[in-house]
Amino acid sequence: MHHYTQNGFESGRQSRPPDNQAQSRACYVSTGLNYCRQLIGACLMLFWLGCWQPLPAEDLSEAQIKAAYLYNFAKFVEWPAEALPANAELLLCVVGSNVLDGALEALSGRTVGTHSLRVATQSYASLELSGCHLVFIGASEQQRFLVILKTLGNAPTLSLSDIDDFAVKGGGIGLLLRDNKVLFEVNLEPIRNAGLHLPGQLLNIASDVYGR
């Protein structure tokens, strides 16, 4: 498994952009050079949008990068007020087995705006998506994810996954691994149907946007 070094940020401080050269030097010592370059770009993008809060680990795996993206996606989503009142708990439901090597569970207890993030893991056999604000569907549910999306219907829930063609087939945000890079694509149709909104800044950096 490749690991990638993340430097240049202090938690809770955003006084200046990260040191690109320092990050680049750190990346060159790893075997995941393309990941490192991409991580630097993602950090810069999220820094300038004022929403990046890095994970505490210095070395990030592919799973942790995906978890970091999800955490920052949560900062961009606008839910209807009745679905997520001020100061209410933000619930991330994780469906599947060994999803992202447990990286999503590490997000539990973090804050998203005025909301505390809680992570709840579920199996398909005991699926209960009522009240979930975000649902991440693991790769173990490759054969069942369309059924899970149908179960969600138009609930005010953002669906995410790293299953191939997830967004193309009706999911909200799909995380992709292409040429040693983690990218994401967005399908606006289910997001609109759920009453959610994503800002243009986020859509501008997606690899593909469907349903405009």
Protein backbone atom coordinates (compact mmCIF):
# COMPACT_ATOMS: atom_id res chain seq x y z
CA MET A 1 0.00 0.00 0.00
CA HIS A 2 1.30 3.43 -0.89
CA HIS A 3 1.56 6.07 1.83
CA TYR A 4 1.75 9.77 1.27
CA THR A 5 3.13 12.54 3.43
CA GLN A 6 0.94 15.51 4.26
CA ASN A 7 2.74 18.59 5.57
CA GLY A 8 2.12 22.31 5.61
CA PHE A 9 -1.04 22.62 7.67
CA GLU A 10 -1.68 23.14 11.33
CA SER A 11 -5.07 22.10 12.64
CA GLY A 12 -7.25 25.12 13.29
CA ARG A 13 -4.82 27.56 11.64
CA GLN A 14 -5.15 28.95 8.12
CA SER A 15 -2.79 31.91 8.22
CA ARG A 16 -0.97 31.14 4.97
CA PRO A 17 -0.97 28.62 2.12
CA PRO A 18 0.99 25.39 2.62
CA ASP A 19 4.63 25.17 1.58
CA ASN A 20 4.37 23.51 -1.84
CA GLN A 21 8.12 22.86 -2.13
CA ALA A 22 8.26 21.22 1.27
CA GLN A 23 5.35 18.96 0.36
CA SER A 24 6.90 18.11 -2.98
CA ARG A 25 10.21 17.13 -1.33
CA ALA A 26 8.35 14.89 1.11
CA CYS A 27 6.40 13.28 -1.72
CA TYR A 28 9.46 12.39 -3.74
CA VAL A 29 10.67 10.03 -1.02
CA SER A 30 7.56 7.85 -1.37
CA THR A 31 6.52 5.47 -4.13
CA GLY A 32 3.18 7.25 -4.54
CA LEU A 33 4.44 10.32 -6.39
CA ASN A 34 1.28 10.83 -8.43
CA TYR A 35 -0.82 10.57 -5.30
CA CYS A 36 1.39 13.12 -3.59
CA ARG A 37 1.08 15.63 -6.38
CA GLN A 38 -2.66 15.14 -6.40
CA LEU A 39 -2.87 15.45 -2.60
CA ILE A 40 -0.96 18.73 -2.74
CA GLY A 41 -3.42 20.03 -5.32
CA ALA A 42 -6.40 18.89 -3.28
CA CYS A 43 -4.99 20.48 -0.13
CA LEU A 44 -4.38 23.76 -1.94
CA MET A 45 -7.86 23.76 -3.46
CA LEU A 46 -9.56 23.08 -0.16
CA PHE A 47 -7.30 25.56 1.63
CA TRP A 48 -8.27 28.40 -0.67
CA LEU A 49 -11.93 27.50 -0.30
CA GLY A 50 -11.40 27.84 3.45
CA CYS A 51 -12.75 24.41 4.30
CA TRP A 52 -9.76 22.11 4.71
CA GLN A 53 -9.14 20.47 8.05
CA PRO A 54 -6.49 17.77 7.61
CA LEU A 55 -6.53 14.40 9.25
CA PRO A 56 -4.03 14.19 12.10
CA ALA A 57 -1.94 11.40 10.55
CA GLU A 58 1.15 12.49 8.67
CA ASP A 59 1.09 9.54 6.24
CA LEU A 60 -2.13 9.08 4.29
CA SER A 61 -3.17 5.90 2.53
CA GLU A 62 -5.55 5.83 -0.42
CA ALA A 63 -8.39 5.04 2.00
CA GLN A 64 -7.51 8.02 4.21
CA ILE A 65 -7.37 10.34 1.20
CA LYS A 66 -10.87 9.21 0.23
CA ALA A 67 -12.07 9.72 3.80
CA ALA A 68 -10.55 13.21 3.81
CA TYR A 69 -12.38 14.04 0.60
CA LEU A 70 -15.66 12.81 2.09
CA TYR A 71 -15.13 14.89 5.21
CA ASN A 72 -14.58 17.99 3.12
CA PHE A 73 -17.51 17.18 0.82
CA ALA A 74 -19.68 17.32 3.93
CA LYS A 75 -18.59 20.93 4.43
CA PHE A 76 -19.87 21.93 1.00
CA VAL A 77 -23.28 20.26 1.07
CA GLU A 78 -26.32 22.35 1.94
CA TRP A 79 -29.15 20.36 3.52
CA PRO A 80 -32.73 21.61 3.97
CA ALA A 81 -33.11 23.24 7.38
CA GLU A 82 -35.73 20.70 8.42
CA ALA A 83 -33.35 17.84 7.60
CA LEU A 84 -30.37 19.30 9.47
CA PRO A 85 -31.30 21.92 12.07
CA ALA A 86 -28.59 24.16 13.50
CA ASN A 87 -26.32 22.32 15.96
CA ALA A 88 -27.92 18.97 15.15
CA GLU A 89 -25.79 15.86 14.82
CA LEU A 90 -24.57 15.05 11.30
CA LEU A 91 -24.92 11.33 10.67
CA LEU A 92 -22.66 9.46 8.23
CA CYS A 93 -23.87 5.92 7.59
CA VAL A 94 -21.32 3.46 6.22
CA VAL A 95 -22.73 0.40 4.48
CA GLY A 96 -20.60 -2.67 3.84
CA SER A 97 -17.71 -4.65 5.27
CA ASN A 98 -14.16 -3.35 5.78
CA VAL A 99 -15.11 -0.06 4.10
CA LEU A 100 -11.99 2.04 3.35
CA ASP A 101 -10.06 0.05 5.95
CA GLY A 102 -11.95 1.81 8.74
CA ALA A 103 -10.79 5.29 7.71
CA LEU A 104 -14.33 6.69 7.82
CA GLU A 105 -14.87 5.61 11.42
CA ALA A 106 -11.87 7.77 12.36
CA LEU A 107 -13.91 10.84 11.37
CA SER A 108 -16.44 10.28 14.14
CA GLY A 109 -16.50 13.16 16.62
CA ARG A 110 -15.13 15.74 14.20
CA THR A 111 -17.12 18.89 13.51
CA VAL A 112 -18.70 20.10 10.29
CA GLY A 113 -19.68 23.71 10.83
CA THR A 114 -21.92 23.69 13.90
CA HIS A 115 -22.54 19.95 13.67
CA SER A 116 -20.81 17.03 15.33
CA LEU A 117 -20.17 14.17 12.92
CA ARG A 118 -21.20 10.69 13.99
CA VAL A 119 -20.30 7.60 11.97
CA ALA A 120 -22.58 4.55 12.05
CA THR A 121 -21.58 1.32 10.30
CA GLN A 122 -24.25 -0.97 8.89
CA SER A 123 -24.55 -4.24 7.05
CA TYR A 124 -26.89 -4.76 4.14
CA ALA A 125 -28.82 -7.33 6.17
CA SER A 126 -29.69 -4.73 8.83
CA LEU A 127 -29.96 -1.69 6.61
CA GLU A 128 -31.51 1.38 8.28
CA LEU A 129 -30.90 4.60 6.39
CA SER A 130 -33.54 6.79 8.00
CA GLY A 131 -31.90 9.89 9.45
CA CYS A 132 -28.61 9.47 7.58
CA HIS A 133 -27.30 12.73 6.11
CA LEU A 134 -24.51 11.00 4.20
CA VAL A 135 -24.31 7.38 3.11
CA PHE A 136 -21.06 5.83 1.95
CA ILE A 137 -21.59 2.50 0.19
CA GLY A 138 -18.54 0.24 0.33
CA ALA A 139 -17.11 -1.81 -2.51
CA SER A 140 -18.46 -4.98 -0.86
CA GLU A 141 -21.92 -3.82 -1.97
CA GLN A 142 -21.03 -3.76 -5.68
CA GLN A 143 -23.92 -6.10 -6.52
CA ARG A 144 -26.43 -4.34 -4.26
CA PHE A 145 -25.72 -0.63 -4.43
CA LEU A 146 -28.56 0.07 -6.88
CA VAL A 147 -30.99 -1.48 -4.40
CA ILE A 148 -29.52 0.69 -1.64
CA LEU A 149 -29.94 3.81 -3.78
CA LYS A 150 -33.55 2.82 -4.46
CA THR A 151 -34.08 2.42 -0.71
CA LEU A 152 -32.79 5.96 -0.18
CA GLY A 153 -35.21 7.34 -2.75
CA ASN A 154 -35.41 11.13 -2.48
CA ALA A 155 -34.47 11.33 1.20
CA PRO A 156 -32.26 14.36 2.05
CA THR A 157 -29.15 12.19 1.98
CA LEU A 158 -25.94 12.51 -0.02
CA SER A 159 -24.86 9.13 -1.37
CA LEU A 160 -21.17 8.43 -1.97
CA SER A 161 -19.09 5.43 -2.96
CA ASP A 162 -15.87 4.29 -4.60
CA ILE A 163 -17.71 1.64 -6.62
CA ASP A 164 -16.98 2.03 -10.33
CA ASP A 165 -19.59 4.07 -12.26
CA PHE A 166 -21.41 4.93 -9.04
CA ALA A 167 -22.35 8.46 -10.13
CA VAL A 168 -23.09 7.37 -13.69
CA LYS A 169 -25.60 4.83 -12.40
CA GLY A 170 -27.45 7.21 -10.09
CA GLY A 171 -25.27 7.85 -7.05
CA GLY A 172 -24.46 11.35 -5.81
CA ILE A 173 -20.64 11.45 -5.66
CA GLY A 174 -18.35 8.71 -6.90
CA LEU A 175 -14.68 8.45 -5.92
CA LEU A 176 -12.48 7.08 -8.69
CA LEU A 177 -8.96 5.71 -8.89
CA ARG A 178 -7.49 6.65 -12.27
CA ASP A 179 -3.79 6.55 -13.17
CA ASN A 180 -2.81 6.47 -9.48
CA LYS A 181 -5.01 9.48 -8.73
CA VAL A 182 -8.16 9.74 -6.64
CA LEU A 183 -10.74 11.75 -8.57
CA PHE A 184 -14.43 12.35 -8.04
CA GLU A 185 -17.47 12.74 -10.24
CA VAL A 186 -20.87 14.15 -9.39
CA ASN A 187 -24.41 13.34 -10.51
CA LEU A 188 -26.58 16.38 -9.83
CA GLU A 189 -29.90 14.67 -10.52
CA PRO A 190 -30.11 12.57 -7.32
CA ILE A 191 -28.60 15.46 -5.36
CA ARG A 192 -31.31 17.85 -6.56
CA ASN A 193 -34.02 15.23 -6.01
CA ALA A 194 -32.82 14.92 -2.42
CA GLY A 195 -33.19 18.67 -1.91
CA LEU A 196 -29.44 19.13 -1.46
CA HIS A 197 -27.14 21.72 -3.02
CA LEU A 198 -23.46 21.68 -3.97
CA PRO A 199 -21.65 24.94 -4.78
CA GLY A 200 -20.10 25.64 -8.15
CA GLN A 201 -16.58 25.70 -6.66
CA LEU A 202 -16.82 22.00 -5.91
CA LEU A 203 -18.38 21.10 -9.25
CA ASN A 204 -15.60 22.95 -11.06
CA ILE A 205 -12.97 20.53 -9.78
CA ALA A 206 -14.96 17.33 -10.36
CA SER A 207 -13.66 15.06 -13.12
CA ASP A 208 -17.20 14.79 -14.52
CA VAL A 209 -20.57 16.30 -13.65
CA TYR A 210 -23.73 14.57 -14.84
CA GLY A 211 -27.30 15.89 -14.85
CA ARG A 212 -26.57 19.58 -15.23
